[in-house]
Amino acid sequence: MVDTKQVQLIIRAQSGDEQAFEQIFMQFEGLVWKMYSQQRVRPQPNDWQQECRVVLHKTLRLLRNQTWAALTIYYQRSLQTHVVQIWRNEYRVFDVQVPILKETIAPYDAKQSIVKYEPMINEWLTTIIEWYLTLPDKERELAYLLMQGYGIAEAAKVIKRSRSWCYGVRRKWQRFYHDEIRKH
């Protein structure tokens, strides 16, 4: 299921091996340039490439699930978030006219919103576990891979099913979920 060469490459890069880091970075070259074409905060390609290297270092440092799928998803989301962070830091508007929201203007008590659902949490977990145990083998494998961070296309290859089958199964699960939510 998991490519041990890729896992070893990730582990080596996490431990400071620059050659492993470069190999990983080169494999993400398409993603780097796709994100470059979508962003406008770093117009110079070399600046963008350096930003992407920094983000990959941070991503590898924080990555706990050392699978290629998890790294890919986490790195892509980290790049998207990084673009927003750069924009916020560089194009921030300081306006003294903007009022500061206080508790009296917009009160919000997080504890009240969580407490409201506490009695149902165990019931939901039980329902999810029972549902998972009733799945056929291939559907259970698909659920496991999706929880591990695999995309539909990758999961389909691993379990040797078509992408349309995987999408259909996921849609079936969504309908089940919505039906369960309506009961409550």
N, C-alpha and C. Protein backbone atom coordinates (compact mmCIF):
# COMPACT_ATOMS: atom_id res chain seq x y z
N MET A 1 0.81 -1.19 0.00
CA MET A 1 0.00 0.00 0.00
C MET A 1 0.86 1.27 0.00
N VAL A 2 1.81 1.34 0.91
CA VAL A 2 2.65 2.52 1.05
C VAL A 2 3.99 2.25 0.39
N ASP A 3 4.46 3.18 -0.43
CA ASP A 3 5.74 3.03 -1.10
C ASP A 3 6.85 3.30 -0.10
N THR A 4 7.61 2.26 0.25
CA THR A 4 8.64 2.40 1.29
C THR A 4 9.78 3.30 0.85
N LYS A 5 10.06 3.37 -0.45
CA LYS A 5 11.12 4.27 -0.93
C LYS A 5 10.74 5.72 -0.67
N GLN A 6 9.48 6.05 -0.92
CA GLN A 6 9.03 7.43 -0.67
C GLN A 6 9.03 7.74 0.83
N VAL A 7 8.61 6.78 1.63
CA VAL A 7 8.61 6.98 3.08
C VAL A 7 10.04 7.21 3.56
N GLN A 8 10.99 6.40 3.07
CA GLN A 8 12.39 6.56 3.47
C GLN A 8 12.94 7.91 3.01
N LEU A 9 12.54 8.35 1.82
CA LEU A 9 12.95 9.65 1.32
C LEU A 9 12.45 10.77 2.23
N ILE A 10 11.21 10.67 2.65
CA ILE A 10 10.62 11.67 3.55
C ILE A 10 11.36 11.67 4.88
N ILE A 11 11.61 10.50 5.42
CA ILE A 11 12.31 10.39 6.71
C ILE A 11 13.72 10.98 6.61
N ARG A 12 14.42 10.69 5.51
CA ARG A 12 15.77 11.25 5.33
C ARG A 12 15.72 12.77 5.24
N ALA A 13 14.75 13.29 4.50
CA ALA A 13 14.63 14.75 4.38
C ALA A 13 14.30 15.38 5.73
N GLN A 14 13.45 14.71 6.51
CA GLN A 14 13.10 15.23 7.82
C GLN A 14 14.30 15.25 8.76
N SER A 15 15.25 14.33 8.55
CA SER A 15 16.42 14.28 9.42
C SER A 15 17.54 15.19 8.92
N GLY A 16 17.29 15.96 7.86
CA GLY A 16 18.26 16.96 7.43
C GLY A 16 19.05 16.62 6.18
N ASP A 17 18.74 15.52 5.51
CA ASP A 17 19.44 15.13 4.29
C ASP A 17 19.02 16.07 3.14
N GLU A 18 19.95 16.93 2.71
CA GLU A 18 19.63 17.91 1.66
C GLU A 18 19.36 17.27 0.31
N GLN A 19 20.03 16.17 0.01
CA GLN A 19 19.77 15.49 -1.26
C GLN A 19 18.35 14.95 -1.30
N ALA A 20 17.91 14.38 -0.20
CA ALA A 20 16.53 13.87 -0.12
C ALA A 20 15.55 15.03 -0.25
N PHE A 21 15.87 16.14 0.42
CA PHE A 21 15.01 17.33 0.32
C PHE A 21 14.90 17.80 -1.13
N GLU A 22 16.04 17.86 -1.83
CA GLU A 22 16.04 18.29 -3.23
C GLU A 22 15.23 17.34 -4.11
N GLN A 23 15.34 16.03 -3.85
CA GLN A 23 14.56 15.06 -4.63
C GLN A 23 13.07 15.30 -4.43
N ILE A 24 12.68 15.52 -3.19
CA ILE A 24 11.26 15.78 -2.91
C ILE A 24 10.83 17.07 -3.57
N PHE A 25 11.65 18.11 -3.43
CA PHE A 25 11.30 19.40 -4.02
C PHE A 25 11.14 19.29 -5.53
N MET A 26 12.02 18.55 -6.17
CA MET A 26 11.93 18.38 -7.63
C MET A 26 10.65 17.64 -8.02
N GLN A 27 10.21 16.72 -7.19
CA GLN A 27 8.96 16.01 -7.50
C GLN A 27 7.75 16.92 -7.37
N PHE A 28 7.88 18.00 -6.61
CA PHE A 28 6.79 18.96 -6.46
C PHE A 28 6.93 20.16 -7.38
N GLU A 29 7.83 20.07 -8.36
CA GLU A 29 8.08 21.19 -9.25
C GLU A 29 6.81 21.64 -9.97
N GLY A 30 6.01 20.70 -10.42
CA GLY A 30 4.75 21.06 -11.09
C GLY A 30 3.81 21.83 -10.18
N LEU A 31 3.69 21.39 -8.94
CA LEU A 31 2.84 22.08 -7.97
C LEU A 31 3.38 23.48 -7.69
N VAL A 32 4.70 23.59 -7.55
CA VAL A 32 5.32 24.90 -7.27
C VAL A 32 4.99 25.90 -8.37
N TRP A 33 5.12 25.49 -9.62
CA TRP A 33 4.88 26.43 -10.72
C TRP A 33 3.39 26.64 -10.96
N LYS A 34 2.58 25.67 -10.65
CA LYS A 34 1.13 25.88 -10.73
C LYS A 34 0.71 26.94 -9.72
N MET A 35 1.23 26.82 -8.49
CA MET A 35 0.90 27.81 -7.46
C MET A 35 1.48 29.18 -7.82
N TYR A 36 2.66 29.19 -8.46
CA TYR A 36 3.27 30.45 -8.89
C TYR A 36 2.35 31.18 -9.85
N SER A 37 1.76 30.44 -10.77
CA SER A 37 0.88 31.08 -11.76
C SER A 37 -0.43 31.56 -11.13
N GLN A 38 -0.79 31.03 -9.97
CA GLN A 38 -2.04 31.41 -9.33
C GLN A 38 -1.88 32.56 -8.33
N GLN A 39 -0.67 32.83 -7.89
CA GLN A 39 -0.46 33.87 -6.89
C GLN A 39 0.08 35.14 -7.53
N ARG A 40 -0.06 36.26 -6.83
CA ARG A 40 0.43 37.54 -7.36
C ARG A 40 1.32 38.28 -6.36
N VAL A 41 1.63 37.65 -5.22
CA VAL A 41 2.41 38.34 -4.20
C VAL A 41 3.92 38.24 -4.43
N ARG A 42 4.37 37.25 -5.15
CA ARG A 42 5.80 37.09 -5.46
C ARG A 42 5.96 37.01 -6.98
N PRO A 43 6.13 38.16 -7.65
CA PRO A 43 6.21 38.16 -9.11
C PRO A 43 7.49 37.55 -9.67
N GLN A 44 8.57 37.51 -8.88
CA GLN A 44 9.84 36.95 -9.36
C GLN A 44 9.87 35.44 -9.13
N PRO A 45 10.12 34.66 -10.17
CA PRO A 45 10.13 33.19 -10.02
C PRO A 45 11.12 32.70 -8.96
N ASN A 46 12.30 33.30 -8.89
CA ASN A 46 13.30 32.86 -7.90
C ASN A 46 12.82 33.11 -6.47
N ASP A 47 12.16 34.25 -6.26
CA ASP A 47 11.61 34.54 -4.92
C ASP A 47 10.55 33.50 -4.55
N TRP A 48 9.69 33.19 -5.51
CA TRP A 48 8.63 32.21 -5.25
C TRP A 48 9.22 30.84 -4.95
N GLN A 49 10.23 30.46 -5.71
CA GLN A 49 10.85 29.15 -5.50
C GLN A 49 11.46 29.07 -4.10
N GLN A 50 12.09 30.14 -3.64
CA GLN A 50 12.66 30.15 -2.30
C GLN A 50 11.56 30.06 -1.24
N GLU A 51 10.46 30.77 -1.45
CA GLU A 51 9.33 30.69 -0.52
C GLU A 51 8.83 29.25 -0.43
N CYS A 52 8.76 28.58 -1.59
CA CYS A 52 8.28 27.19 -1.62
C CYS A 52 9.24 26.25 -0.91
N ARG A 53 10.52 26.51 -0.99
CA ARG A 53 11.50 25.70 -0.27
C ARG A 53 11.31 25.84 1.24
N VAL A 54 11.11 27.08 1.68
CA VAL A 54 10.90 27.33 3.11
C VAL A 54 9.64 26.61 3.59
N VAL A 55 8.57 26.70 2.79
CA VAL A 55 7.31 26.05 3.16
C VAL A 55 7.49 24.53 3.21
N LEU A 56 8.25 23.97 2.26
CA LEU A 56 8.48 22.52 2.27
C LEU A 56 9.28 22.11 3.51
N HIS A 57 10.28 22.91 3.90
CA HIS A 57 11.02 22.61 5.13
C HIS A 57 10.08 22.57 6.33
N LYS A 58 9.21 23.57 6.43
CA LYS A 58 8.26 23.62 7.56
C LYS A 58 7.29 22.45 7.50
N THR A 59 6.82 22.14 6.30
CA THR A 59 5.89 21.03 6.13
C THR A 59 6.52 19.71 6.57
N LEU A 60 7.75 19.48 6.14
CA LEU A 60 8.44 18.24 6.52
C LEU A 60 8.67 18.18 8.03
N ARG A 61 8.99 19.32 8.63
CA ARG A 61 9.24 19.35 10.07
C ARG A 61 7.98 19.00 10.86
N LEU A 62 6.81 19.43 10.36
CA LEU A 62 5.56 19.22 11.08
C LEU A 62 4.84 17.93 10.70
N LEU A 63 5.27 17.29 9.62
CA LEU A 63 4.58 16.10 9.10
C LEU A 63 4.79 14.91 10.03
N ARG A 64 3.71 14.30 10.46
CA ARG A 64 3.79 13.12 11.33
C ARG A 64 3.48 11.84 10.56
N ASN A 65 2.53 11.91 9.64
CA ASN A 65 2.16 10.76 8.82
C ASN A 65 3.08 10.77 7.60
N GLN A 66 4.06 9.92 7.57
CA GLN A 66 5.11 10.00 6.57
C GLN A 66 4.77 9.24 5.29
N THR A 67 3.58 9.50 4.77
CA THR A 67 3.20 8.93 3.48
C THR A 67 3.24 10.04 2.45
N TRP A 68 3.42 9.65 1.20
CA TRP A 68 3.50 10.63 0.12
C TRP A 68 2.19 11.38 -0.03
N ALA A 69 1.09 10.70 0.14
CA ALA A 69 -0.22 11.35 0.01
C ALA A 69 -0.40 12.43 1.06
N ALA A 70 -0.03 12.13 2.29
CA ALA A 70 -0.16 13.12 3.36
C ALA A 70 0.75 14.32 3.10
N LEU A 71 1.98 14.06 2.66
CA LEU A 71 2.91 15.14 2.35
C LEU A 71 2.37 16.02 1.23
N THR A 72 1.84 15.40 0.19
CA THR A 72 1.32 16.15 -0.95
C THR A 72 0.19 17.08 -0.53
N ILE A 73 -0.78 16.55 0.18
CA ILE A 73 -1.92 17.35 0.61
C ILE A 73 -1.48 18.45 1.57
N TYR A 74 -0.67 18.10 2.52
CA TYR A 74 -0.22 19.06 3.52
C TYR A 74 0.62 20.17 2.88
N TYR A 75 1.49 19.82 1.95
CA TYR A 75 2.33 20.80 1.28
C TYR A 75 1.49 21.74 0.41
N GLN A 76 0.54 21.18 -0.32
CA GLN A 76 -0.31 22.02 -1.17
C GLN A 76 -1.10 23.01 -0.32
N ARG A 77 -1.69 22.54 0.77
CA ARG A 77 -2.45 23.43 1.64
C ARG A 77 -1.54 24.45 2.32
N SER A 78 -0.34 24.03 2.67
CA SER A 78 0.62 24.96 3.29
C SER A 78 1.00 26.07 2.32
N LEU A 79 1.20 25.73 1.05
CA LEU A 79 1.51 26.76 0.05
C LEU A 79 0.35 27.74 -0.11
N GLN A 80 -0.87 27.21 -0.16
CA GLN A 80 -2.03 28.09 -0.29
C GLN A 80 -2.14 29.04 0.91
N THR A 81 -1.93 28.51 2.09
CA THR A 81 -1.98 29.32 3.30
C THR A 81 -0.85 30.33 3.32
N HIS A 82 0.32 29.93 2.85
CA HIS A 82 1.48 30.82 2.85
C HIS A 82 1.23 32.05 1.97
N VAL A 83 0.60 31.85 0.82
CA VAL A 83 0.28 32.98 -0.06
C VAL A 83 -0.59 33.99 0.69
N VAL A 84 -1.59 33.49 1.40
CA VAL A 84 -2.48 34.38 2.15
C VAL A 84 -1.72 35.09 3.25
N GLN A 85 -0.84 34.38 3.94
CA GLN A 85 -0.05 34.99 5.02
C GLN A 85 0.86 36.10 4.48
N ILE A 86 1.50 35.84 3.34
CA ILE A 86 2.36 36.87 2.74
C ILE A 86 1.53 38.10 2.41
N TRP A 87 0.39 37.87 1.77
CA TRP A 87 -0.47 38.99 1.39
C TRP A 87 -0.90 39.78 2.61
N ARG A 88 -1.32 39.09 3.66
CA ARG A 88 -1.75 39.78 4.87
C ARG A 88 -0.62 40.59 5.49
N ASN A 89 0.58 40.02 5.50
CA ASN A 89 1.71 40.73 6.11
C ASN A 89 2.17 41.92 5.29
N GLU A 90 2.14 41.81 3.97
CA GLU A 90 2.70 42.86 3.12
C GLU A 90 1.69 43.91 2.68
N TYR A 91 0.43 43.56 2.65
CA TYR A 91 -0.57 44.49 2.16
C TYR A 91 -1.59 44.85 3.22
N ARG A 92 -1.19 44.71 4.46
CA ARG A 92 -2.07 45.01 5.57
C ARG A 92 -2.40 46.51 5.58
N VAL A 93 -3.65 46.81 5.80
CA VAL A 93 -4.08 48.20 5.88
C VAL A 93 -4.33 48.53 7.34
N PHE A 94 -3.62 49.55 7.80
CA PHE A 94 -3.83 50.00 9.17
C PHE A 94 -4.79 51.17 9.11
N ASP A 95 -5.96 50.97 9.66
CA ASP A 95 -6.97 52.01 9.62
C ASP A 95 -7.48 52.23 11.03
N VAL A 96 -7.27 53.41 11.54
CA VAL A 96 -7.71 53.71 12.90
C VAL A 96 -9.22 53.90 12.97
N GLN A 97 -9.86 53.97 11.83
CA GLN A 97 -11.31 54.15 11.79
C GLN A 97 -12.07 52.85 12.08
N VAL A 98 -11.40 51.69 11.91
CA VAL A 98 -12.07 50.40 12.08
C VAL A 98 -12.33 50.17 13.57
N PRO A 99 -13.58 49.95 13.96
CA PRO A 99 -13.88 49.72 15.38
C PRO A 99 -13.39 48.35 15.82
N ILE A 100 -13.01 48.23 17.05
CA ILE A 100 -12.58 46.97 17.62
C ILE A 100 -13.79 46.29 18.23
N LEU A 101 -14.03 45.05 17.82
CA LEU A 101 -15.17 44.32 18.35
C LEU A 101 -14.89 43.91 19.79
N LYS A 102 -15.85 44.12 20.62
CA LYS A 102 -15.72 43.74 22.02
C LYS A 102 -16.81 42.75 22.36
N GLU A 103 -16.72 42.17 23.54
CA GLU A 103 -17.72 41.20 23.98
C GLU A 103 -19.12 41.82 23.96
N THR A 104 -19.22 43.11 24.24
CA THR A 104 -20.54 43.74 24.29
C THR A 104 -21.15 43.89 22.90
N ILE A 105 -20.30 43.93 21.87
CA ILE A 105 -20.80 44.08 20.51
C ILE A 105 -21.19 42.73 19.93
N ALA A 106 -20.29 41.76 20.04
CA ALA A 106 -20.55 40.43 19.47
C ALA A 106 -20.13 39.36 20.46
N PRO A 107 -20.96 39.10 21.47
CA PRO A 107 -20.57 38.09 22.45
C PRO A 107 -20.60 36.69 21.84
N TYR A 108 -19.65 35.89 22.25
CA TYR A 108 -19.61 34.51 21.76
C TYR A 108 -19.01 33.65 22.85
N ASP A 109 -19.72 32.65 23.22
CA ASP A 109 -19.21 31.76 24.25
C ASP A 109 -19.02 30.38 23.64
N ALA A 110 -17.76 30.02 23.43
CA ALA A 110 -17.45 28.74 22.78
C ALA A 110 -17.93 27.56 23.60
N LYS A 111 -17.88 27.69 24.92
CA LYS A 111 -18.29 26.57 25.75
C LYS A 111 -19.76 26.23 25.53
N GLN A 112 -20.59 27.23 25.39
CA GLN A 112 -22.01 26.96 25.17
C GLN A 112 -22.25 26.21 23.87
N SER A 113 -21.50 26.55 22.81
CA SER A 113 -21.72 25.88 21.54
C SER A 113 -21.25 24.43 21.58
N ILE A 114 -20.21 24.13 22.36
CA ILE A 114 -19.72 22.75 22.47
C ILE A 114 -20.60 21.93 23.39
N VAL A 115 -21.00 22.51 24.50
CA VAL A 115 -21.82 21.79 25.48
C VAL A 115 -23.13 21.32 24.85
N LYS A 116 -23.63 22.08 23.92
CA LYS A 116 -24.88 21.74 23.26
C LYS A 116 -24.82 20.36 22.59
N TYR A 117 -23.65 19.96 22.09
CA TYR A 117 -23.51 18.70 21.36
C TYR A 117 -22.92 17.56 22.18
N GLU A 118 -22.48 17.83 23.39
CA GLU A 118 -21.83 16.78 24.19
C GLU A 118 -22.64 15.52 24.36
N PRO A 119 -23.93 15.60 24.64
CA PRO A 119 -24.69 14.35 24.82
C PRO A 119 -24.74 13.47 23.56
N MET A 120 -24.60 14.08 22.40
CA MET A 120 -24.72 13.33 21.16
C MET A 120 -23.40 12.77 20.66
N ILE A 121 -22.27 13.24 21.18
CA ILE A 121 -20.97 12.85 20.65
C ILE A 121 -20.76 11.34 20.73
N ASN A 122 -21.02 10.72 21.90
CA ASN A 122 -20.84 9.27 22.03
C ASN A 122 -21.77 8.51 21.10
N GLU A 123 -22.98 9.00 20.96
CA GLU A 123 -23.93 8.34 20.06
C GLU A 123 -23.43 8.41 18.62
N TRP A 124 -22.90 9.55 18.20
CA TRP A 124 -22.37 9.71 16.85
C TRP A 124 -21.17 8.80 16.63
N LEU A 125 -20.26 8.75 17.59
CA LEU A 125 -19.09 7.88 17.46
C LEU A 125 -19.50 6.42 17.33
N THR A 126 -20.47 6.00 18.14
CA THR A 126 -20.97 4.63 18.06
C THR A 126 -21.55 4.35 16.68
N THR A 127 -22.33 5.30 16.17
CA THR A 127 -22.94 5.14 14.85
C THR A 127 -21.86 5.02 13.78
N ILE A 128 -20.83 5.85 13.85
CA ILE A 128 -19.76 5.82 12.85
C ILE A 128 -19.00 4.50 12.92
N ILE A 129 -18.68 4.03 14.10
CA ILE A 129 -17.96 2.76 14.25
C ILE A 129 -18.80 1.60 13.74
N GLU A 130 -20.09 1.58 14.09
CA GLU A 130 -20.97 0.51 13.60
C GLU A 130 -21.06 0.54 12.09
N TRP A 131 -21.17 1.75 11.53
CA TRP A 131 -21.24 1.90 10.07
C TRP A 131 -19.96 1.37 9.43
N TYR A 132 -18.81 1.75 9.96
CA TYR A 132 -17.52 1.33 9.41
C TYR A 132 -17.39 -0.19 9.43
N LEU A 133 -17.83 -0.82 10.51
CA LEU A 133 -17.71 -2.27 10.63
C LEU A 133 -18.63 -3.03 9.68
N THR A 134 -19.70 -2.37 9.22
CA THR A 134 -20.62 -3.03 8.29
C THR A 134 -20.21 -2.87 6.83
N LEU A 135 -19.18 -2.08 6.56
CA LEU A 135 -18.76 -1.86 5.18
C LEU A 135 -18.13 -3.11 4.58
N PRO A 136 -18.33 -3.34 3.29
CA PRO A 136 -17.61 -4.41 2.60
C PRO A 136 -16.10 -4.10 2.63
N ASP A 137 -15.28 -5.10 2.40
CA ASP A 137 -13.82 -4.94 2.52
C ASP A 137 -13.26 -3.79 1.70
N LYS A 138 -13.62 -3.70 0.43
CA LYS A 138 -13.06 -2.66 -0.45
C LYS A 138 -13.50 -1.27 0.02
N GLU A 139 -14.75 -1.14 0.47
CA GLU A 139 -15.22 0.15 0.97
C GLU A 139 -14.49 0.53 2.26
N ARG A 140 -14.22 -0.46 3.10
CA ARG A 140 -13.50 -0.19 4.33
C ARG A 140 -12.06 0.26 4.01
N GLU A 141 -11.44 -0.39 3.01
CA GLU A 141 -10.10 0.02 2.58
C GLU A 141 -10.13 1.46 2.06
N LEU A 142 -11.15 1.79 1.27
CA LEU A 142 -11.29 3.15 0.74
C LEU A 142 -11.43 4.15 1.89
N ALA A 143 -12.28 3.84 2.86
CA ALA A 143 -12.46 4.74 4.00
C ALA A 143 -11.15 4.95 4.73
N TYR A 144 -10.41 3.87 4.94
CA TYR A 144 -9.13 3.96 5.65
C TYR A 144 -8.15 4.86 4.89
N LEU A 145 -8.05 4.66 3.57
CA LEU A 145 -7.12 5.46 2.77
C LEU A 145 -7.50 6.93 2.75
N LEU A 146 -8.78 7.21 2.65
CA LEU A 146 -9.23 8.61 2.67
C LEU A 146 -8.91 9.26 4.01
N MET A 147 -9.06 8.50 5.10
CA MET A 147 -8.73 9.05 6.42
C MET A 147 -7.22 9.28 6.55
N GLN A 148 -6.42 8.53 5.80
CA GLN A 148 -4.97 8.70 5.84
C GLN A 148 -4.49 9.87 4.98
N GLY A 149 -5.42 10.49 4.24
CA GLY A 149 -5.06 11.65 3.44
C GLY A 149 -4.90 11.39 1.95
N TYR A 150 -5.19 10.17 1.52
CA TYR A 150 -5.11 9.87 0.09
C TYR A 150 -6.25 10.58 -0.63
N GLY A 151 -6.01 10.96 -1.87
CA GLY A 151 -7.06 11.48 -2.72
C GLY A 151 -7.83 10.32 -3.34
N ILE A 152 -8.94 10.62 -3.97
CA ILE A 152 -9.76 9.57 -4.59
C ILE A 152 -8.96 8.81 -5.66
N ALA A 153 -8.24 9.55 -6.50
CA ALA A 153 -7.50 8.89 -7.58
C ALA A 153 -6.43 7.94 -7.03
N GLU A 154 -5.70 8.39 -6.01
CA GLU A 154 -4.66 7.54 -5.42
C GLU A 154 -5.27 6.32 -4.74
N ALA A 155 -6.35 6.54 -4.00
CA ALA A 155 -7.00 5.43 -3.31
C ALA A 155 -7.53 4.41 -4.31
N ALA A 156 -8.08 4.89 -5.41
CA ALA A 156 -8.61 3.99 -6.44
C ALA A 156 -7.51 3.08 -6.98
N LYS A 157 -6.33 3.63 -7.20
CA LYS A 157 -5.21 2.81 -7.69
C LYS A 157 -4.80 1.77 -6.66
N VAL A 158 -4.74 2.18 -5.41
CA VAL A 158 -4.28 1.28 -4.36
C VAL A 158 -5.23 0.09 -4.21
N ILE A 159 -6.54 0.36 -4.21
CA ILE A 159 -7.50 -0.73 -4.01
C ILE A 159 -7.97 -1.36 -5.31
N LYS A 160 -7.38 -0.90 -6.42
CA LYS A 160 -7.67 -1.46 -7.75
C LYS A 160 -9.16 -1.37 -8.10
N ARG A 161 -9.68 -0.17 -7.93
CA ARG A 161 -11.05 0.14 -8.34
C ARG A 161 -11.02 1.40 -9.19
N SER A 162 -12.10 1.68 -9.91
CA SER A 162 -12.14 2.88 -10.74
C SER A 162 -12.43 4.09 -9.86
N ARG A 163 -12.03 5.26 -10.37
CA ARG A 163 -12.32 6.50 -9.64
C ARG A 163 -13.83 6.70 -9.52
N SER A 164 -14.57 6.35 -10.57
CA SER A 164 -16.02 6.54 -10.52
C SER A 164 -16.65 5.67 -9.45
N TRP A 165 -16.12 4.46 -9.26
CA TRP A 165 -16.61 3.60 -8.18
C TRP A 165 -16.36 4.27 -6.83
N CYS A 166 -15.16 4.82 -6.65
CA CYS A 166 -14.81 5.47 -5.38
C CYS A 166 -15.69 6.70 -5.14
N TYR A 167 -15.91 7.49 -6.19
CA TYR A 167 -16.79 8.66 -6.03
C TYR A 167 -18.21 8.22 -5.68
N GLY A 168 -18.67 7.15 -6.32
CA GLY A 168 -20.02 6.65 -6.04
C GLY A 168 -20.16 6.17 -4.60
N VAL A 169 -19.14 5.47 -4.12
CA VAL A 169 -19.16 4.99 -2.73
C VAL A 169 -19.15 6.17 -1.78
N ARG A 170 -18.31 7.17 -2.07
CA ARG A 170 -18.26 8.34 -1.19
C ARG A 170 -19.61 9.07 -1.18
N ARG A 171 -20.26 9.15 -2.32
CA ARG A 171 -21.58 9.79 -2.39
C ARG A 171 -22.59 8.99 -1.56
N LYS A 172 -22.51 7.66 -1.62
CA LYS A 172 -23.39 6.81 -0.81
C LYS A 172 -23.18 7.11 0.68
N TRP A 173 -21.90 7.26 1.07
CA TRP A 173 -21.60 7.58 2.47
C TRP A 173 -22.16 8.94 2.86
N GLN A 174 -22.07 9.91 1.96
CA GLN A 174 -22.59 11.25 2.25
C GLN A 174 -24.10 11.19 2.48
N ARG A 175 -24.79 10.42 1.65
CA ARG A 175 -26.24 10.28 1.84
C ARG A 175 -26.55 9.63 3.18
N PHE A 176 -25.78 8.61 3.55
CA PHE A 176 -25.96 7.96 4.85
C PHE A 176 -25.76 8.97 5.97
N TYR A 177 -24.68 9.76 5.87
CA TYR A 177 -24.37 10.77 6.88
C TYR A 177 -25.51 11.78 7.02
N HIS A 178 -25.99 12.29 5.89
CA HIS A 178 -27.08 13.28 5.93
C HIS A 178 -28.36 12.69 6.51
N ASP A 179 -28.63 11.42 6.19
CA ASP A 179 -29.81 10.76 6.78
C ASP A 179 -29.67 10.63 8.30
N GLU A 180 -28.47 10.29 8.77
CA GLU A 180 -28.23 10.15 10.21
C GLU A 180 -28.37 11.51 10.91
N ILE A 181 -27.87 12.56 10.27
CA ILE A 181 -27.96 13.90 10.86
C ILE A 181 -29.42 14.33 10.97
N ARG A 182 -30.20 14.02 9.96
CA ARG A 182 -31.63 14.40 9.98
C ARG A 182 -32.39 13.72 11.12
N LYS A 183 -31.92 12.51 11.50
CA LYS A 183 -32.59 11.79 12.59
C LYS A 183 -32.43 12.56 13.91
N HIS A 184 -31.36 13.32 14.03
CA HIS A 184 -31.09 14.02 15.28
C HIS A 184 -31.56 15.41 15.12
